[in-house]
Amino acid sequence: VLNFVMIHPENESATDTDGSWGQQGNLEKMLQI
């Protein structure tokens, strides 16, 4: 299994979450970033 960590400016994927683990992301948004 390959583990990925994709670090980027927070404002590019801004959410209203509190930073807890397990928040749903968006694959298309990630590829765009």
Full PDB file with SEQRES, HELIX, SHEET, SSBOND, CRYST1, ORIGX, SCALE, CONECT and MASTER records, all heavy atoms in Angstrom:
SEQRES   1 A   33  VAL LEU ASN PHE VAL MET ILE HIS PRO GLU ASN GLU SER          
SEQRES   2 A   33  ALA THR ASP THR ASP GLY SER TRP GLY GLN GLN GLY ASN          
SEQRES   3 A   33  LEU GLU LYS MET LEU GLN ILE                                  
HELIX    1 AA1 GLU A   10  SER A   13  5                                   4    
HELIX    2 AA2 LEU A   27  GLN A   32  1                                   6    
CRYST1    1.000    1.000    1.000  90.00  90.00  90.00 P 1           1          
ORIGX1      1.000000  0.000000  0.000000        0.00000                         
ORIGX2      0.000000  1.000000  0.000000        0.00000                         
ORIGX3      0.000000  0.000000  1.000000        0.00000                         
SCALE1      1.000000  0.000000  0.000000        0.00000                         
SCALE2      0.000000  1.000000  0.000000        0.00000                         
SCALE3      0.000000  0.000000  1.000000        0.00000                         
ATOM      1  N   VAL A   1       0.855  -1.183   0.000  1.00  0.00           N  
ATOM      2  CA  VAL A   1       0.000   0.000   0.000  1.00  0.00           C  
ATOM      3  C   VAL A   1       0.892   1.234   0.000  1.00  0.00           C  
ATOM      4  O   VAL A   1       1.910   1.282   0.694  1.00  0.00           O  
ATOM      5  CB  VAL A   1      -0.928   0.017   1.238  1.00  0.00           C  
ATOM      6  CG1 VAL A   1      -1.758   1.295   1.265  1.00  0.00           C  
ATOM      7  CG2 VAL A   1      -1.841  -1.200   1.245  1.00  0.00           C  
ATOM      8  N   LEU A   2       0.519   2.235  -0.780  1.00  0.00           N  
ATOM      9  CA  LEU A   2       1.260   3.489  -0.837  1.00  0.00           C  
ATOM     10  C   LEU A   2       0.518   4.542  -0.020  1.00  0.00           C  
ATOM     11  O   LEU A   2      -0.687   4.778  -0.225  1.00  0.00           O  
ATOM     12  CB  LEU A   2       1.401   3.958  -2.281  1.00  0.00           C  
ATOM     13  CG  LEU A   2       2.136   3.001  -3.222  1.00  0.00           C  
ATOM     14  CD1 LEU A   2       2.054   3.519  -4.657  1.00  0.00           C  
ATOM     15  CD2 LEU A   2       3.581   2.817  -2.795  1.00  0.00           C  
ATOM     16  N   ASN A   3       1.220   5.164   0.881  1.00  0.00           N  
ATOM     17  CA  ASN A   3       0.658   6.228   1.709  1.00  0.00           C  
ATOM     18  C   ASN A   3       1.038   7.577   1.111  1.00  0.00           C  
ATOM     19  O   ASN A   3       2.193   7.817   0.767  1.00  0.00           O  
ATOM     20  CB  ASN A   3       1.201   6.120   3.135  1.00  0.00           C  
ATOM     21  CG  ASN A   3       0.728   7.271   4.008  1.00  0.00           C  
ATOM     22  OD1 ASN A   3      -0.441   7.359   4.332  1.00  0.00           O  
ATOM     23  ND2 ASN A   3       1.650   8.147   4.393  1.00  0.00           N  
ATOM     24  N   PHE A   4       0.058   8.469   0.964  1.00  0.00           N  
ATOM     25  CA  PHE A   4       0.298   9.798   0.405  1.00  0.00           C  
ATOM     26  C   PHE A   4      -0.036  10.881   1.429  1.00  0.00           C  
ATOM     27  O   PHE A   4      -1.065  10.804   2.117  1.00  0.00           O  
ATOM     28  CB  PHE A   4      -0.548  10.028  -0.849  1.00  0.00           C  
ATOM     29  CG  PHE A   4      -0.031   9.314  -2.065  1.00  0.00           C  
ATOM     30  CD1 PHE A   4      -0.461   8.023  -2.368  1.00  0.00           C  
ATOM     31  CD2 PHE A   4       0.888   9.916  -2.908  1.00  0.00           C  
ATOM     32  CE1 PHE A   4       0.015   7.359  -3.483  1.00  0.00           C  
ATOM     33  CE2 PHE A   4       1.369   9.264  -4.030  1.00  0.00           C  
ATOM     34  CZ  PHE A   4       0.940   7.981  -4.318  1.00  0.00           C  
ATOM     35  N   VAL A   5       0.860  11.865   1.501  1.00  0.00           N  
ATOM     36  CA  VAL A   5       0.614  13.086   2.268  1.00  0.00           C  
ATOM     37  C   VAL A   5       0.868  14.239   1.306  1.00  0.00           C  
ATOM     38  O   VAL A   5       1.964  14.380   0.771  1.00  0.00           O  
ATOM     39  CB  VAL A   5       1.540  13.194   3.495  1.00  0.00           C  
ATOM     40  CG1 VAL A   5       1.223  14.466   4.286  1.00  0.00           C  
ATOM     41  CG2 VAL A   5       1.421  11.961   4.383  1.00  0.00           C  
ATOM     42  N   MET A   6      -0.143  15.079   1.097  1.00  0.00           N  
ATOM     43  CA  MET A   6      -0.084  16.146   0.087  1.00  0.00           C  
ATOM     44  C   MET A   6      -0.222  17.491   0.801  1.00  0.00           C  
ATOM     45  O   MET A   6      -1.324  17.945   1.114  1.00  0.00           O  
ATOM     46  CB  MET A   6      -1.228  15.968  -0.919  1.00  0.00           C  
ATOM     47  CG  MET A   6      -1.425  14.525  -1.388  1.00  0.00           C  
ATOM     48  SD  MET A   6      -0.314  14.099  -2.699  1.00  0.00           S  
ATOM     49  CE  MET A   6      -0.974  15.108  -4.008  1.00  0.00           C  
ATOM     50  N   ILE A   7       0.911  18.137   1.059  1.00  0.00           N  
ATOM     51  CA  ILE A   7       0.930  19.361   1.848  1.00  0.00           C  
ATOM     52  C   ILE A   7       0.843  20.563   0.911  1.00  0.00           C  
ATOM     53  O   ILE A   7       1.538  20.625  -0.107  1.00  0.00           O  
ATOM     54  CB  ILE A   7       2.200  19.412   2.710  1.00  0.00           C  
ATOM     55  CG1 ILE A   7       2.205  18.217   3.682  1.00  0.00           C  
ATOM     56  CG2 ILE A   7       2.303  20.721   3.466  1.00  0.00           C  
ATOM     57  CD1 ILE A   7       3.501  18.046   4.436  1.00  0.00           C  
ATOM     58  N   HIS A   8       0.020  21.523   1.284  1.00  0.00           N  
ATOM     59  CA  HIS A   8      -0.256  22.661   0.408  1.00  0.00           C  
ATOM     60  C   HIS A   8      -0.785  23.830   1.232  1.00  0.00           C  
ATOM     61  O   HIS A   8      -1.173  23.656   2.400  1.00  0.00           O  
ATOM     62  CB  HIS A   8      -1.308  22.260  -0.641  1.00  0.00           C  
ATOM     63  CG  HIS A   8      -2.582  21.784  -0.028  1.00  0.00           C  
ATOM     64  ND1 HIS A   8      -2.730  20.511   0.484  1.00  0.00           N  
ATOM     65  CD2 HIS A   8      -3.776  22.421   0.166  1.00  0.00           C  
ATOM     66  CE1 HIS A   8      -3.949  20.375   0.966  1.00  0.00           C  
ATOM     67  NE2 HIS A   8      -4.607  21.524   0.793  1.00  0.00           N  
ATOM     68  N   PRO A   9      -0.811  25.032   0.656  1.00  0.00           N  
ATOM     69  CA  PRO A   9      -1.367  26.169   1.379  1.00  0.00           C  
ATOM     70  C   PRO A   9      -2.813  25.912   1.799  1.00  0.00           C  
ATOM     71  O   PRO A   9      -3.636  25.450   0.999  1.00  0.00           O  
ATOM     72  CB  PRO A   9      -1.269  27.322   0.384  1.00  0.00           C  
ATOM     73  CG  PRO A   9      -0.123  26.936  -0.503  1.00  0.00           C  
ATOM     74  CD  PRO A   9      -0.228  25.451  -0.637  1.00  0.00           C  
ATOM     75  N   GLU A  10      -3.098  26.223   3.026  1.00  0.00           N  
ATOM     76  CA  GLU A  10      -4.414  25.911   3.596  1.00  0.00           C  
ATOM     77  C   GLU A  10      -5.547  26.591   2.840  1.00  0.00           C  
ATOM     78  O   GLU A  10      -6.631  26.018   2.661  1.00  0.00           O  
ATOM     79  CB  GLU A  10      -4.416  26.331   5.074  1.00  0.00           C  
ATOM     80  CG  GLU A  10      -5.698  26.035   5.817  1.00  0.00           C  
ATOM     81  CD  GLU A  10      -6.698  27.181   5.767  1.00  0.00           C  
ATOM     82  OE1 GLU A  10      -6.251  28.324   5.548  1.00  0.00           O  
ATOM     83  OE2 GLU A  10      -7.906  26.923   5.951  1.00  0.00           O  
ATOM     84  N   ASN A  11      -5.318  27.795   2.345  1.00  0.00           N  
ATOM     85  CA  ASN A  11      -6.411  28.514   1.693  1.00  0.00           C  
ATOM     86  C   ASN A  11      -6.818  27.891   0.362  1.00  0.00           C  
ATOM     87  O   ASN A  11      -7.901  28.170  -0.162  1.00  0.00           O  
ATOM     88  CB  ASN A  11      -6.035  29.985   1.496  1.00  0.00           C  
ATOM     89  CG  ASN A  11      -4.777  30.163   0.640  1.00  0.00           C  
ATOM     90  OD1 ASN A  11      -4.198  29.188   0.165  1.00  0.00           O  
ATOM     91  ND2 ASN A  11      -4.376  31.412   0.442  1.00  0.00           N  
ATOM     92  N   GLU A  12      -5.966  27.027  -0.185  1.00  0.00           N  
ATOM     93  CA  GLU A  12      -6.302  26.414  -1.463  1.00  0.00           C  
ATOM     94  C   GLU A  12      -7.316  25.285  -1.314  1.00  0.00           C  
ATOM     95  O   GLU A  12      -7.959  24.887  -2.288  1.00  0.00           O  
ATOM     96  CB  GLU A  12      -5.026  25.893  -2.142  1.00  0.00           C  
ATOM     97  CG  GLU A  12      -4.067  27.008  -2.537  1.00  0.00           C  
ATOM     98  CD  GLU A  12      -2.837  26.477  -3.270  1.00  0.00           C  
ATOM     99  OE1 GLU A  12      -2.742  25.243  -3.453  1.00  0.00           O  
ATOM    100  OE2 GLU A  12      -1.977  27.295  -3.649  1.00  0.00           O  
ATOM    101  N   SER A  13      -7.439  24.750  -0.120  1.00  0.00           N  
ATOM    102  CA  SER A  13      -8.442  23.703   0.115  1.00  0.00           C  
ATOM    103  C   SER A  13      -9.247  24.046   1.351  1.00  0.00           C  
ATOM    104  O   SER A  13      -9.641  23.161   2.118  1.00  0.00           O  
ATOM    105  CB  SER A  13      -7.766  22.337   0.299  1.00  0.00           C  
ATOM    106  OG  SER A  13      -6.913  22.356   1.436  1.00  0.00           O  
ATOM    107  N   ALA A  14      -9.458  25.350   1.568  1.00  0.00           N  
ATOM    108  CA  ALA A  14     -10.070  25.813   2.811  1.00  0.00           C  
ATOM    109  C   ALA A  14     -11.391  25.118   3.065  1.00  0.00           C  
ATOM    110  O   ALA A  14     -12.231  24.985   2.182  1.00  0.00           O  
ATOM    111  CB  ALA A  14     -10.258  27.324   2.762  1.00  0.00           C  
ATOM    112  N   THR A  15     -11.556  24.660   4.285  1.00  0.00           N  
ATOM    113  CA  THR A  15     -12.811  24.061   4.749  1.00  0.00           C  
ATOM    114  C   THR A  15     -13.164  24.717   6.063  1.00  0.00           C  
ATOM    115  O   THR A  15     -12.399  25.490   6.638  1.00  0.00           O  
ATOM    116  CB  THR A  15     -12.666  22.548   4.961  1.00  0.00           C  
ATOM    117  OG1 THR A  15     -11.788  22.324   6.068  1.00  0.00           O  
ATOM    118  CG2 THR A  15     -12.100  21.869   3.723  1.00  0.00           C  
ATOM    119  N   ASP A  16     -14.304  24.380   6.572  1.00  0.00           N  
ATOM    120  CA  ASP A  16     -14.721  24.921   7.863  1.00  0.00           C  
ATOM    121  C   ASP A  16     -14.436  23.939   8.997  1.00  0.00           C  
ATOM    122  O   ASP A  16     -15.023  24.011  10.065  1.00  0.00           O  
ATOM    123  CB  ASP A  16     -16.211  25.289   7.851  1.00  0.00           C  
ATOM    124  CG  ASP A  16     -17.084  24.071   7.515  1.00  0.00           C  
ATOM    125  OD1 ASP A  16     -16.521  22.986   7.258  1.00  0.00           O  
ATOM    126  OD2 ASP A  16     -18.316  24.229   7.516  1.00  0.00           O  
ATOM    127  N   THR A  17     -13.540  23.011   8.717  1.00  0.00           N  
ATOM    128  CA  THR A  17     -13.261  21.994   9.738  1.00  0.00           C  
ATOM    129  C   THR A  17     -12.299  22.542  10.773  1.00  0.00           C  
ATOM    130  O   THR A  17     -11.644  23.568  10.579  1.00  0.00           O  
ATOM    131  CB  THR A  17     -12.640  20.742   9.096  1.00  0.00           C  
ATOM    132  OG1 THR A  17     -11.340  21.079   8.628  1.00  0.00           O  
ATOM    133  CG2 THR A  17     -13.488  20.246   7.951  1.00  0.00           C  
ATOM    134  N   ASP A  18     -12.203  21.852  11.876  1.00  0.00           N  
ATOM    135  CA  ASP A  18     -11.306  22.265  12.952  1.00  0.00           C  
ATOM    136  C   ASP A  18      -9.951  21.598  12.857  1.00  0.00           C  
ATOM    137  O   ASP A  18      -9.138  21.701  13.762  1.00  0.00           O  
ATOM    138  CB  ASP A  18     -11.923  21.951  14.325  1.00  0.00           C  
ATOM    139  CG  ASP A  18     -12.166  20.453  14.524  1.00  0.00           C  
ATOM    140  OD1 ASP A  18     -11.864  19.668  13.608  1.00  0.00           O  
ATOM    141  OD2 ASP A  18     -12.663  20.078  15.606  1.00  0.00           O  
ATOM    142  N   GLY A  19      -9.688  20.896  11.786  1.00  0.00           N  
ATOM    143  CA  GLY A  19      -8.403  20.245  11.623  1.00  0.00           C  
ATOM    144  C   GLY A  19      -8.361  18.830  12.128  1.00  0.00           C  
ATOM    145  O   GLY A  19      -7.300  18.209  12.150  1.00  0.00           O  
ATOM    146  N   SER A  20      -9.503  18.277  12.534  1.00  0.00           N  
ATOM    147  CA  SER A  20      -9.503  16.904  13.026  1.00  0.00           C  
ATOM    148  C   SER A  20      -9.256  15.933  11.887  1.00  0.00           C  
ATOM    149  O   SER A  20      -9.529  16.213  10.726  1.00  0.00           O  
ATOM    150  CB  SER A  20     -10.846  16.581  13.696  1.00  0.00           C  
ATOM    151  OG  SER A  20     -11.065  17.412  14.806  1.00  0.00           O  
ATOM    152  N   TRP A  21      -8.747  14.771  12.232  1.00  0.00           N  
ATOM    153  CA  TRP A  21      -8.497  13.744  11.245  1.00  0.00           C  
ATOM    154  C   TRP A  21      -9.811  13.278  10.627  1.00  0.00           C  
ATOM    155  O   TRP A  21     -10.852  13.272  11.277  1.00  0.00           O  
ATOM    156  CB  TRP A  21      -7.825  12.537  11.907  1.00  0.00           C  
ATOM    157  CG  TRP A  21      -6.398  12.770  12.263  1.00  0.00           C  
ATOM    158  CD1 TRP A  21      -5.911  13.702  13.130  1.00  0.00           C  
ATOM    159  CD2 TRP A  21      -5.279  12.057  11.769  1.00  0.00           C  
ATOM    160  NE1 TRP A  21      -4.561  13.619  13.204  1.00  0.00           N  
ATOM    161  CE2 TRP A  21      -4.134  12.602  12.389  1.00  0.00           C  
ATOM    162  CE3 TRP A  21      -5.114  11.009  10.865  1.00  0.00           C  
ATOM    163  CZ2 TRP A  21      -2.861  12.145  12.139  1.00  0.00           C  
ATOM    164  CZ3 TRP A  21      -3.837  10.537  10.620  1.00  0.00           C  
ATOM    165  CH2 TRP A  21      -2.734  11.107  11.243  1.00  0.00           C  
ATOM    166  N   GLY A  22      -9.714  12.855   9.390  1.00  0.00           N  
ATOM    167  CA  GLY A  22     -10.843  12.176   8.763  1.00  0.00           C  
ATOM    168  C   GLY A  22     -11.816  13.053   8.031  1.00  0.00           C  
ATOM    169  O   GLY A  22     -12.880  12.594   7.642  1.00  0.00           O  
ATOM    170  N   GLN A  23     -11.525  14.327   7.836  1.00  0.00           N  
ATOM    171  CA  GLN A  23     -12.437  15.185   7.091  1.00  0.00           C  
ATOM    172  C   GLN A  23     -12.401  14.812   5.606  1.00  0.00           C  
ATOM    173  O   GLN A  23     -11.352  14.573   5.036  1.00  0.00           O  
ATOM    174  CB  GLN A  23     -12.050  16.651   7.270  1.00  0.00           C  
ATOM    175  CG  GLN A  23     -12.036  17.100   8.728  1.00  0.00           C  
ATOM    176  CD  GLN A  23     -13.381  16.906   9.392  1.00  0.00           C  
ATOM    177  OE1 GLN A  23     -14.424  17.116   8.765  1.00  0.00           O  
ATOM    178  NE2 GLN A  23     -13.373  16.500  10.648  1.00  0.00           N  
ATOM    179  N   GLN A  24     -13.575  14.756   4.982  1.00  0.00           N  
ATOM    180  CA  GLN A  24     -13.657  14.374   3.570  1.00  0.00           C  
ATOM    181  C   GLN A  24     -13.021  15.444   2.682  1.00  0.00           C  
ATOM    182  O   GLN A  24     -13.242  16.639   2.867  1.00  0.00           O  
ATOM    183  CB  GLN A  24     -15.117  14.201   3.158  1.00  0.00           C  
ATOM    184  CG  GLN A  24     -15.751  12.926   3.725  1.00  0.00           C  
ATOM    185  CD  GLN A  24     -15.101  11.679   3.149  1.00  0.00           C  
ATOM    186  OE1 GLN A  24     -14.465  10.936   3.862  1.00  0.00           O  
ATOM    187  NE2 GLN A  24     -15.252  11.468   1.862  1.00  0.00           N  
ATOM    188  N   GLY A  25     -12.205  15.003   1.738  1.00  0.00           N  
ATOM    189  CA  GLY A  25     -11.595  15.908   0.774  1.00  0.00           C  
ATOM    190  C   GLY A  25     -12.250  15.728  -0.583  1.00  0.00           C  
ATOM    191  O   GLY A  25     -13.307  15.132  -0.725  1.00  0.00           O  
ATOM    192  N   ASN A  26     -11.586  16.233  -1.587  1.00  0.00           N  
ATOM    193  CA  ASN A  26     -12.116  16.171  -2.938  1.00  0.00           C  
ATOM    194  C   ASN A  26     -10.963  15.865  -3.877  1.00  0.00           C  
ATOM    195  O   ASN A  26     -10.004  16.633  -3.969  1.00  0.00           O  
ATOM    196  CB  ASN A  26     -12.757  17.519  -3.297  1.00  0.00           C  
ATOM    197  CG  ASN A  26     -13.369  17.502  -4.664  1.00  0.00           C  
ATOM    198  OD1 ASN A  26     -12.650  17.528  -5.656  1.00  0.00           O  
ATOM    199  ND2 ASN A  26     -14.689  17.480  -4.709  1.00  0.00           N  
ATOM    200  N   LEU A  27     -11.038  14.713  -4.576  1.00  0.00           N  
ATOM    201  CA  LEU A  27      -9.955  14.287  -5.436  1.00  0.00           C  
ATOM    202  C   LEU A  27      -9.701  15.299  -6.548  1.00  0.00           C  
ATOM    203  O   LEU A  27      -8.556  15.647  -6.840  1.00  0.00           O  
ATOM    204  CB  LEU A  27     -10.264  12.905  -6.014  1.00  0.00           C  
ATOM    205  CG  LEU A  27      -9.225  12.340  -6.990  1.00  0.00           C  
ATOM    206  CD1 LEU A  27      -7.860  12.239  -6.341  1.00  0.00           C  
ATOM    207  CD2 LEU A  27      -9.687  10.988  -7.530  1.00  0.00           C  
ATOM    208  N   GLU A  28     -10.752  15.765  -7.172  1.00  0.00           N  
ATOM    209  CA  GLU A  28     -10.569  16.716  -8.270  1.00  0.00           C  
ATOM    210  C   GLU A  28      -9.932  18.010  -7.771  1.00  0.00           C  
ATOM    211  O   GLU A  28      -9.076  18.594  -8.435  1.00  0.00           O  
ATOM    212  CB  GLU A  28     -11.916  17.012  -8.934  1.00  0.00           C  
ATOM    213  CG  GLU A  28     -12.480  15.821  -9.692  1.00  0.00           C  
ATOM    214  CD  GLU A  28     -13.765  16.178 -10.416  1.00  0.00           C  
ATOM    215  OE1 GLU A  28     -14.157  17.376 -10.385  1.00  0.00           O  
ATOM    216  OE2 GLU A  28     -14.370  15.267 -11.000  1.00  0.00           O  
ATOM    217  N   LYS A  29     -10.355  18.446  -6.580  1.00  0.00           N  
ATOM    218  CA  LYS A  29      -9.772  19.654  -6.010  1.00  0.00           C  
ATOM    219  C   LYS A  29      -8.283  19.454  -5.742  1.00  0.00           C  
ATOM    220  O   LYS A  29      -7.454  20.340  -6.010  1.00  0.00           O  
ATOM    221  CB  LYS A  29     -10.498  19.999  -4.707  1.00  0.00           C  
ATOM    222  CG  LYS A  29     -10.018  21.267  -4.030  1.00  0.00           C  
ATOM    223  CD  LYS A  29     -10.376  22.508  -4.819  1.00  0.00           C  
ATOM    224  CE  LYS A  29     -10.083  23.769  -4.055  1.00  0.00           C  
ATOM    225  NZ  LYS A  29     -10.396  24.982  -4.832  1.00  0.00           N  
ATOM    226  N   MET A  30      -7.936  18.292  -5.221  1.00  0.00           N  
ATOM    227  CA  MET A  30      -6.539  18.002  -4.925  1.00  0.00           C  
ATOM    228  C   MET A  30      -5.699  18.019  -6.201  1.00  0.00           C  
ATOM    229  O   MET A  30      -4.615  18.617  -6.252  1.00  0.00           O  
ATOM    230  CB  MET A  30      -6.424  16.642  -4.236  1.00  0.00           C  
ATOM    231  CG  MET A  30      -4.989  16.243  -3.878  1.00  0.00           C  
ATOM    232  SD  MET A  30      -4.891  14.568  -3.247  1.00  0.00           S  
ATOM    233  CE  MET A  30      -5.169  13.628  -4.756  1.00  0.00           C  
ATOM    234  N   LEU A  31      -6.204  17.364  -7.266  1.00  0.00           N  
ATOM    235  CA  LEU A  31      -5.458  17.324  -8.520  1.00  0.00           C  
ATOM    236  C   LEU A  31      -5.314  18.716  -9.114  1.00  0.00           C  
ATOM    237  O   LEU A  31      -4.298  19.047  -9.737  1.00  0.00           O  
ATOM    238  CB  LEU A  31      -6.140  16.385  -9.500  1.00  0.00           C  
ATOM    239  CG  LEU A  31      -6.132  14.893  -9.109  1.00  0.00           C  
ATOM    240  CD1 LEU A  31      -6.971  14.080 -10.091  1.00  0.00           C  
ATOM    241  CD2 LEU A  31      -4.708  14.363  -9.053  1.00  0.00           C  
ATOM    242  N   GLN A  32      -6.287  19.530  -8.902  1.00  0.00           N  
ATOM    243  CA  GLN A  32      -6.223  20.906  -9.389  1.00  0.00           C  
ATOM    244  C   GLN A  32      -5.139  21.694  -8.641  1.00  0.00           C  
ATOM    245  O   GLN A  32      -4.362  22.441  -9.247  1.00  0.00           O  
ATOM    246  CB  GLN A  32      -7.577  21.586  -9.200  1.00  0.00           C  
ATOM    247  CG  GLN A  32      -7.603  23.041  -9.639  1.00  0.00           C  
ATOM    248  CD  GLN A  32      -8.956  23.689  -9.353  1.00  0.00           C  
ATOM    249  OE1 GLN A  32      -9.959  23.008  -9.122  1.00  0.00           O  
ATOM    250  NE2 GLN A  32      -8.961  25.004  -9.352  1.00  0.00           N  
ATOM    251  N   ILE A  33      -5.064  21.502  -7.312  1.00  0.00           N  
ATOM    252  CA  ILE A  33      -4.070  22.214  -6.507  1.00  0.00           C  
ATOM    253  C   ILE A  33      -2.650  21.839  -6.929  1.00  0.00           C  
ATOM    254  O   ILE A  33      -1.756  22.683  -6.985  1.00  0.00           O  
ATOM    255  CB  ILE A  33      -4.298  21.918  -5.006  1.00  0.00           C  
ATOM    256  CG1 ILE A  33      -5.619  22.552  -4.533  1.00  0.00           C  
ATOM    257  CG2 ILE A  33      -3.122  22.401  -4.160  1.00  0.00           C  
ATOM    258  CD1 ILE A  33      -6.030  22.152  -3.134  1.00  0.00           C  
TER     259      ILE A  33                                                      
MASTER        0    0    0    2    0    0    0    6  258    1    0    3          
END                                                                             
